[in-house]
Amino acid sequence: MRSTGTYVRSTTAGEAVRAFVPRPLPPVRPVLAPESCEARSRGAELALARLSGVSGLVPSVEWLLYSAIRKEALLTSQIEGTQATLTDLFDDEAGLAIANADDVEEVTNYLRAFRLVRENLRDPHGLPVSVRLLCDAHRLLLDGARGTGKQPGELRRSQNWIGGTRPGNAVFVPPPPERVAELLGDLERFIHEPEPSLPPIVRVALAHVQFETIHPFLDGNGRIGRLLIAALMEQWGLLREPLMYLSGYLKQHQREYYRRLSAVRTDGDWEGWTGFFLEAVEAAANEAERGIVAIASLVAADRRRLLAVPRIGAVSLRLFELLPVMPRFTIEQVRQKLDTTFPTATAAVNLLEDQGIVTELTGQKKNRSFSYRAYIELLAR
C-alpha cells in the first residue's frame, strides 16, 4: 500500500487529535504511472475536445458561458448544502423578490470568485493559478454575513476537522495550521512544474485532492477546490471556455466522491480517485455537449418562429438575442438593455409573448415580469 502522508499530534477545542500531513505531489513509492490511466485519460480529453468544438453551434459562446458558469456555481454550492435554484438565481439577477436570499448570495459570491480567477488567467499581467489568487477568490466567496468570523481570504490559523460532532470523533483532521503555508507552497510548485511526467488532466485530479486534504481555509474549501479544477483546465488548455459543470456529476455521486477522496489519504489509492475523476470529466463533458445541442435547437426553432412574423421589428429581434443571458426580466430591464423607450420595449415583449416564446409571470397589469420558460426548464434538467 502506498503511503500518502504522515500523522502528527495537534490540539483543537481542548482535544488532542492525529492530524494528517500529505506528502508532496506527485505520488511516489510506487509512482502513478501514466499508462495506468492512459485509456480513461484519452476518453476524457476527447470528450473535452468535442465539447469545445460543439460550442460553434450557437451564435454566441457568451450564451453558453452564462448558463454553464451559473450551473456550476449553483451545483458546487448545493454540494455544500445551499438550497438555491437556477430560477432563484435568474430572479435575483432580474431584481425580482426571492425567498432564500442568503443561499443566493453564496452562489453569486462564487460567480464573483470565478470571474476574478478567469480575469487573472486571461490577463497577461494577471496572477497565475497560485495561493495568492486562491486567497483572493476566497475573500470574494466568503463576502457577506455568513463569512463573518471565517477569515475570508486568509489561510486558517487554527486546527479544523471534517465530519463528526467534535475533533475526537472527526472523520478526517487536516494538517495543523502551522504546516498549511508550506504544504500549499509544495502544491504550487507541482502546478508550475516545468517538465511534468503526467498528463495535464491527471495532474488536475491530483491537485484537487491535495488541496482538499490541506483544507487551508476555515470555510469554503470544497468550492475553492472545485474552482481550482476549472482554473487548471483553462490554464493547461484542456477546455478553452468553462462550458462544463463538473459539480453536477460530483453532486450526483457525492458519496462516492467523498469516499474516493478519503481512500487517497487512508489507502494511498490515487489510481481509484484518478479513475473516478476522469470518468466524471468524461460524463460531465458529454452532458454539457448534449445540453449545448439542445439549447441550439431550442433557440434556432424559436428564432425561425419569430422571423416568420410579418410585423417583426429590429427591437424584438434584439430582445430575442438577449434572452439566453436574461431569461427572467422586466420591461424596464429591456428598455435599459436596448436603450429604447418604454412603449417600444413593451411592444417587443408583447410580440414575443404572443408567439409563446416568453411567459408573463405575475398576472398583473403593472410591474410585470417575464420568463423564457422553455430555456430555463432545459437548463434545470
Foldseek 3Di string as FASTA:
>chain_A
DFAFFAWDWDDDPRDIATATDGDFDDGPPPGDAQVLCVVLLVLLLVLQVVLQVLCVLDPDVVLLQLLQLLLLLLLLLVLVPQDDAPVQLLCVVQVHDDDCVVSSQLSVLLVVLLVQLVVQLPDPPRDAPALQSLLVSQLSNLPDDNNPPFPRSDFDQAWDAADDPDNVPGPHTADGLVCLVVLRVSLVCLLVPPDDPHDLLLNLLVSLLSQVRNVGTSDDSSSSSVSSSVSSCCNVVSHVRSSFNLSVLCSVVVVVQVVLSVCCNVPVPSSVSSSVSSVSSSVRSNVSSVLSVVVSVVLVVLVVLQVPDPPRDPLLVVVSVCCSNNFKHDLVVSCVVVVHDSVVSVVSVVSCVVSVQKDWDPPDPPPIMIGSVVSSVSSRD
